[in-house]
Amino acid sequence: MGLEQFKNRNVGTQNYTKLDLPRSPVTGWCKFKQVVSRTLSGELFVGLGVTMRIMVQSLVGGQSHATLYPFEKLPISPRYRAIHEMLRLLESGHYRCIGCGLCEKICPADCITMDTAYDKNQRKEVTEYTINFGRCIFCGYCAEVCPELAIVHGNRIETASEQRASFSLFDDMLTPIDNLNLQQEYQGFGAVTPNADENIKKTPLAY
C-alpha cells in the first residue's frame, strides 16, 4: 500500500472479526465454576502425570534425576571461583606469597587484610593475611593480579559457618605441609594453564 492509498483508505469498509471473549467472573459462584472447569479440563492431571512418571522411574527403575547432596557432589569446573587457596613452593615448602599487597589493593570488596614484616634474613614475610568471605564477591581479581601464583581459587564450595571469622585465616587457606605432594599446580582460577609456555611464544601480547 502506497502513501496516498494509506491516507485515502476507508476504514469503515474493512472487515473485522469480533472476538467473543469470556468476561472475568465477578461473583463467588462464577469464580467457583471457573476453578472447577479449569481443574477438570485435564491440564492439572497432565502435570501430575509427569510428576508421577518421574517419581516411579526414580523409585522403581533407579533413574534418579537429582543429586543426593552432600553424599553426592556434581563436578565443578577447574576455573570455578570457589574458596581461595594459598600455594607453597614445592622445593622448600615455604609459602609463595611475597607480601607485595597487590591483592589487597585490587580487591573491590575491600575484604583482604595483610600485614608483613622482615625476618632475620631480611626477607619479607606475611605475618597476617585474612579474607573476609562475608564480603568477598569471588571476582578473582586477587588471583589474576598475583605475580607469584600464590593465591588461586580452589574447589571448596561449602562456605557455611557459625562464625563470620571462620575460613578466613591464612593458615586455613594454605596448603598443609603434609599434603604438599598433592598440591596441583594448574588448578583453580588464576593459575596458569599447562601449555602457557607454548602459547606465550605464539601470542605474547595475549598473555
Foldseek 3Di string as FASTA:
>chain_A
DDPVCVVPPDPVPDDDDDDDDDDDDDDPVVVVVVVVCVVVPCPVVVVVVVVVVQVCCCPPVVDDPDAPPPVGDDDDDLADQAQKAFEADLPPRHTQDQPPCPLCVPQPQNFWDWDWDADPVRGIDTPWIWGQPVRHPSPLPSLQPDPRNGMFGGDDHDDDDPDRRPSTTNVSRYDDSVCNVVDDQQGGNSGDHPCVVVVCVVPVVVD
